[in-house]
Amino acid sequence: MILDYEPGDKVTNPNNKEWGIGQVQSIINGKVTINFENVGKKVINSENIKIEKINR
């Protein structure tokens, strides 16, 4: 699986919009570490949770 994310990208989690905008910190073995503005750092399994890139 190829992920279209890299550190520094801005993303949202459509199922948890209250988390706010997140910034990708790292991607290791399909696990994406994201620092969200409202809930802090989350480690997302990209195979189970959909995140959307924000193009700004």
N, C-alpha and C. Protein backbone atom coordinates (compact mmCIF):
# COMPACT_ATOMS: atom_id res chain seq x y z
N MET A 1 0.84 -1.18 0.00
CA MET A 1 0.00 0.00 0.00
C MET A 1 0.89 1.24 0.00
N ILE A 2 0.60 2.15 -0.89
CA ILE A 2 1.37 3.38 -0.98
C ILE A 2 0.53 4.51 -0.39
N LEU A 3 1.10 5.19 0.57
CA LEU A 3 0.39 6.31 1.20
C LEU A 3 0.80 7.60 0.53
N ASP A 4 -0.18 8.46 0.33
CA ASP A 4 0.07 9.75 -0.33
C ASP A 4 0.25 10.85 0.72
N TYR A 5 1.01 10.54 1.75
CA TYR A 5 1.26 11.50 2.82
C TYR A 5 2.75 11.56 3.09
N GLU A 6 3.18 12.71 3.57
CA GLU A 6 4.56 12.83 4.03
C GLU A 6 4.57 13.80 5.20
N PRO A 7 5.61 13.74 6.03
CA PRO A 7 5.66 14.64 7.18
C PRO A 7 5.47 16.10 6.78
N GLY A 8 4.64 16.78 7.57
CA GLY A 8 4.33 18.18 7.29
C GLY A 8 2.99 18.38 6.62
N ASP A 9 2.44 17.32 6.01
CA ASP A 9 1.13 17.44 5.36
C ASP A 9 0.04 17.71 6.39
N LYS A 10 -0.94 18.51 6.01
CA LYS A 10 -2.10 18.79 6.85
C LYS A 10 -3.21 17.81 6.46
N VAL A 11 -3.86 17.23 7.48
CA VAL A 11 -4.89 16.22 7.24
C VAL A 11 -6.05 16.40 8.22
N THR A 12 -7.16 15.74 7.90
CA THR A 12 -8.28 15.63 8.83
C THR A 12 -8.72 14.18 8.90
N ASN A 13 -9.42 13.84 9.98
CA ASN A 13 -10.04 12.53 10.09
C ASN A 13 -11.54 12.77 9.94
N PRO A 14 -12.12 12.39 8.79
CA PRO A 14 -13.54 12.69 8.54
C PRO A 14 -14.50 12.10 9.56
N ASN A 15 -14.10 11.02 10.24
CA ASN A 15 -14.97 10.40 11.25
C ASN A 15 -14.84 11.09 12.61
N ASN A 16 -13.84 11.94 12.77
CA ASN A 16 -13.62 12.64 14.03
C ASN A 16 -13.24 14.09 13.74
N LYS A 17 -14.14 14.81 13.10
CA LYS A 17 -13.86 16.20 12.70
C LYS A 17 -13.53 17.08 13.91
N GLU A 18 -14.05 16.71 15.10
CA GLU A 18 -13.79 17.52 16.29
C GLU A 18 -12.30 17.52 16.68
N TRP A 19 -11.52 16.58 16.13
CA TRP A 19 -10.08 16.55 16.40
C TRP A 19 -9.39 17.76 15.79
N GLY A 20 -10.02 18.34 14.77
CA GLY A 20 -9.43 19.50 14.10
C GLY A 20 -8.43 19.08 13.02
N ILE A 21 -7.64 20.04 12.60
CA ILE A 21 -6.64 19.79 11.57
C ILE A 21 -5.41 19.18 12.22
N GLY A 22 -4.86 18.19 11.56
CA GLY A 22 -3.65 17.54 12.06
C GLY A 22 -2.49 17.72 11.10
N GLN A 23 -1.29 17.59 11.65
CA GLN A 23 -0.09 17.64 10.82
C GLN A 23 0.63 16.31 10.95
N VAL A 24 0.92 15.69 9.81
CA VAL A 24 1.62 14.40 9.80
C VAL A 24 3.02 14.60 10.37
N GLN A 25 3.37 13.76 11.36
CA GLN A 25 4.69 13.81 11.98
C GLN A 25 5.62 12.75 11.39
N SER A 26 5.10 11.52 11.26
CA SER A 26 5.91 10.44 10.71
C SER A 26 5.01 9.34 10.17
N ILE A 27 5.60 8.50 9.32
CA ILE A 27 4.91 7.35 8.75
C ILE A 27 5.86 6.16 8.83
N ILE A 28 5.48 5.16 9.62
CA ILE A 28 6.34 3.99 9.80
C ILE A 28 5.47 2.73 9.70
N ASN A 29 5.74 1.90 8.72
CA ASN A 29 5.03 0.62 8.55
C ASN A 29 3.51 0.78 8.55
N GLY A 30 3.00 1.76 7.83
CA GLY A 30 1.56 1.96 7.72
C GLY A 30 0.93 2.68 8.89
N LYS A 31 1.71 3.01 9.90
CA LYS A 31 1.22 3.78 11.05
C LYS A 31 1.60 5.24 10.84
N VAL A 32 0.60 6.11 10.87
CA VAL A 32 0.81 7.53 10.63
C VAL A 32 0.64 8.26 11.96
N THR A 33 1.69 8.94 12.41
CA THR A 33 1.61 9.74 13.63
C THR A 33 1.23 11.15 13.22
N ILE A 34 0.12 11.63 13.81
CA ILE A 34 -0.43 12.93 13.45
C ILE A 34 -0.65 13.74 14.72
N ASN A 35 -0.26 15.00 14.70
CA ASN A 35 -0.49 15.90 15.81
C ASN A 35 -1.71 16.76 15.47
N PHE A 36 -2.85 16.46 16.13
CA PHE A 36 -4.10 17.19 15.88
C PHE A 36 -4.21 18.39 16.81
N GLU A 37 -4.81 19.47 16.30
CA GLU A 37 -4.89 20.71 17.07
C GLU A 37 -5.74 20.60 18.33
N ASN A 38 -6.76 19.75 18.34
CA ASN A 38 -7.67 19.68 19.49
C ASN A 38 -7.44 18.49 20.43
N VAL A 39 -6.76 17.45 19.96
CA VAL A 39 -6.59 16.25 20.80
C VAL A 39 -5.14 15.80 20.92
N GLY A 40 -4.23 16.52 20.31
CA GLY A 40 -2.82 16.16 20.42
C GLY A 40 -2.42 15.04 19.47
N LYS A 41 -1.41 14.30 19.86
CA LYS A 41 -0.81 13.29 18.99
C LYS A 41 -1.62 12.00 18.98
N LYS A 42 -1.86 11.51 17.78
CA LYS A 42 -2.56 10.23 17.59
C LYS A 42 -1.75 9.40 16.60
N VAL A 43 -1.72 8.09 16.83
CA VAL A 43 -1.10 7.16 15.89
C VAL A 43 -2.24 6.44 15.17
N ILE A 44 -2.31 6.63 13.87
CA ILE A 44 -3.41 6.11 13.06
C ILE A 44 -2.91 4.92 12.24
N ASN A 45 -3.66 3.82 12.27
CA ASN A 45 -3.37 2.71 11.37
C ASN A 45 -4.05 3.03 10.04
N SER A 46 -3.25 3.32 9.04
CA SER A 46 -3.79 3.80 7.76
C SER A 46 -4.63 2.76 7.04
N GLU A 47 -4.53 1.50 7.44
CA GLU A 47 -5.35 0.47 6.80
C GLU A 47 -6.78 0.45 7.38
N ASN A 48 -6.96 0.97 8.60
CA ASN A 48 -8.26 0.90 9.27
C ASN A 48 -8.96 2.24 9.36
N ILE A 49 -8.22 3.33 9.36
CA ILE A 49 -8.80 4.65 9.55
C ILE A 49 -8.46 5.53 8.37
N LYS A 50 -9.48 6.14 7.81
CA LYS A 50 -9.28 7.00 6.64
C LYS A 50 -8.93 8.41 7.10
N ILE A 51 -7.87 8.96 6.54
CA ILE A 51 -7.56 10.37 6.77
C ILE A 51 -7.54 11.06 5.41
N GLU A 52 -7.87 12.34 5.43
CA GLU A 52 -7.93 13.09 4.18
C GLU A 52 -6.92 14.22 4.21
N LYS A 53 -6.19 14.32 3.13
CA LYS A 53 -5.20 15.38 2.99
C LYS A 53 -5.91 16.70 2.68
N ILE A 54 -5.43 17.78 3.29
CA ILE A 54 -5.97 19.10 3.04
C ILE A 54 -5.01 19.81 2.09
N ASN A 55 -5.53 20.24 0.97
CA ASN A 55 -4.70 20.96 0.00
C ASN A 55 -4.87 22.46 0.23
N ARG A 56 -3.84 23.07 0.76
CA ARG A 56 -3.89 24.52 1.03
C ARG A 56 -2.74 25.20 0.37
